[in-house]
Protein backbone atom coordinates (compact mmCIF):
# COMPACT_ATOMS: atom_id res chain seq x y z
CA MET A 1 -41.60 62.30 -6.40
CA THR A 2 -39.03 62.34 -3.63
CA CYS A 3 -36.77 65.36 -2.69
CA PHE A 4 -34.43 66.33 -5.40
CA PHE A 5 -31.51 67.02 -2.91
CA ASP A 6 -31.72 64.07 -0.59
CA ALA A 7 -34.31 61.02 -1.32
CA SER A 8 -34.27 60.13 2.33
CA HIS A 9 -36.09 63.61 3.09
CA GLY A 10 -39.40 62.05 1.63
CA PRO A 11 -41.51 63.52 -0.87
CA GLY A 12 -40.70 66.83 -2.63
CA ARG A 13 -43.70 69.24 -2.24
CA ARG A 14 -42.29 72.62 -3.42
CA GLU A 15 -41.22 73.42 -6.85
CA ILE A 16 -38.07 75.50 -6.87
CA THR A 17 -35.69 76.76 -9.73
CA TRP A 18 -32.21 75.03 -9.28
CA SER A 19 -29.30 75.51 -11.41
CA PRO A 20 -26.04 73.37 -11.15
CA GLN A 21 -22.63 75.13 -11.18
CA TRP A 22 -22.07 76.18 -14.84
CA GLY A 23 -25.54 74.85 -15.85
CA ALA A 24 -28.93 75.99 -17.02
CA PRO A 25 -31.62 76.65 -14.32
CA ARG A 26 -34.47 73.98 -14.27
CA PRO A 27 -37.45 73.30 -11.84
CA VAL A 28 -37.09 70.50 -9.29
CA LEU A 29 -39.13 69.36 -6.42
CA ALA A 30 -37.70 69.61 -2.98
CA CYS A 31 -38.81 68.94 0.67
CA PRO A 32 -39.85 71.85 2.64
CA ALA A 33 -36.59 71.93 4.61
CA CYS A 34 -34.34 71.84 1.37
CA ALA A 35 -36.53 74.50 -0.23
CA GLN A 36 -36.01 76.74 2.63
CA ARG A 37 -32.27 76.23 2.60
CA TRP A 38 -32.14 76.93 -1.04
CA SER A 39 -34.21 80.10 -0.53
CA ASP A 40 -31.80 81.12 2.11
CA HIS A 41 -28.85 80.34 0.07
CA LEU A 42 -30.20 82.53 -3.00
CA GLN A 43 -30.63 85.36 -0.54
CA GLY A 44 -27.10 85.31 0.79
CA ARG A 45 -28.04 83.89 4.19
CA GLY A 46 -25.76 80.77 4.04
CA GLY A 47 -27.96 77.66 3.67
CA TYR A 48 -25.76 75.07 1.94
CA ALA A 49 -22.14 74.81 2.90
CA GLN A 50 -19.54 75.51 0.41
CA GLN A 51 -17.58 72.60 -1.00
CA ALA A 52 -13.90 72.51 -0.89
CA GLY A 53 -12.18 72.80 -4.34
CA TYR A 54 -15.06 74.57 -6.02
CA PRO A 55 -14.81 78.25 -6.92
CA GLN A 56 -17.89 79.80 -5.32
CA PRO A 57 -19.50 82.46 -7.03
CA GLY A 58 -16.65 83.27 -9.49
CA TYR A 59 -12.89 83.25 -9.81
CA PRO A 60 -10.54 84.91 -7.29
CA ASP A 61 -9.40 88.47 -7.98
CA TYR A 62 -5.68 88.48 -8.05
CA GLY A 63 -5.29 92.18 -7.25
CA GLY A 64 -6.15 93.83 -10.53
CA TYR A 65 -3.00 93.06 -12.29
CA PRO A 66 -3.59 93.32 -16.19
CA GLN A 67 -3.29 90.18 -18.33
CA ARG A 68 0.04 89.87 -19.99
CA GLN A 69 0.22 90.34 -23.67
CA GLY A 70 2.67 88.89 -26.10
CA TYR A 71 5.13 85.98 -25.92
CA GLY A 72 7.02 84.65 -23.04
CA ALA A 73 10.60 84.28 -22.54
CA GLY A 74 10.40 80.46 -22.89
CA SER A 75 8.81 80.57 -26.29
CA MET A 76 11.44 83.20 -27.48
CA VAL A 77 14.30 81.05 -26.36
CA ALA A 78 12.71 77.89 -27.97
CA ALA A 79 12.29 79.79 -31.28
CA GLY A 80 15.91 81.12 -31.11
CA ALA A 81 17.42 77.62 -30.34
CA ALA A 82 15.28 76.14 -33.27
CA GLY A 83 16.46 78.81 -35.73
CA PHE A 84 20.16 78.45 -34.56
CA VAL A 85 20.01 74.50 -35.02
CA GLY A 86 18.23 74.82 -38.19
CA GLY A 87 20.79 77.33 -39.48
CA MET A 88 23.68 75.04 -38.58
CA ILE A 89 22.12 72.20 -40.60
CA VAL A 90 21.65 74.39 -43.61
CA ASN A 91 24.95 75.72 -43.50
CA GLU A 92 26.53 72.34 -43.39
CA MET A 93 24.38 71.17 -46.29
CA PHE A 94 25.58 74.19 -48.51
CA ASP A 95 29.21 74.38 -47.18
CA HIS A 96 31.76 73.76 -49.94
CA ASP A 97 35.06 74.04 -48.05
CA GLU A 98 36.54 70.74 -49.47
CA VAL A 99 36.62 69.96 -53.02
CA VAL A 100 37.22 66.21 -53.81
CA GLU A 101 38.74 65.82 -57.28
CA GLN A 102 39.42 62.24 -57.29
CA VAL A 103 38.26 59.14 -55.01
CA ASP A 104 40.57 56.08 -54.80
CA VAL A 105 38.68 53.04 -54.12
CA VAL A 106 40.81 50.38 -52.43
CA ASP A 107 39.38 47.08 -51.31
CA ASP A 108 40.85 44.94 -48.39
CA TYR A 109 42.21 42.35 -50.55
CA GLY A 110 44.84 44.56 -52.42
CA ASP A 111 43.11 43.69 -55.72
CA TYR A 112 42.42 46.78 -57.74
CA GLY A 113 39.92 45.41 -60.18
CA GLY A 114 41.98 42.45 -61.61
CA ASP A 115 40.99 39.07 -62.77
CA TRP A 116 38.44 37.16 -60.85
């Protein structure tokens, strides 16, 4: 079987325990050079170069600020606006300012229900 890290290196002769980022450890075969680089990496002496864009061995520390609890201002403003608009709609539905006693129906032809 060829080297797990690079097939052009030839056959894998040493079995090492390798784990992908956020993965489960598993045994793989590596050529002697890659096995040495992997053991150097595990001992903290470099070995493999870190890839850009991937957080290596964890997430950055942001100065020890505690995580904020509770709701943000945006959610409070949105909830207040929704309550305000909902209250306006309900107010218009139950508003009885104008009482209609009689409705006159007038058609455009001047005929108020006469003979057809």
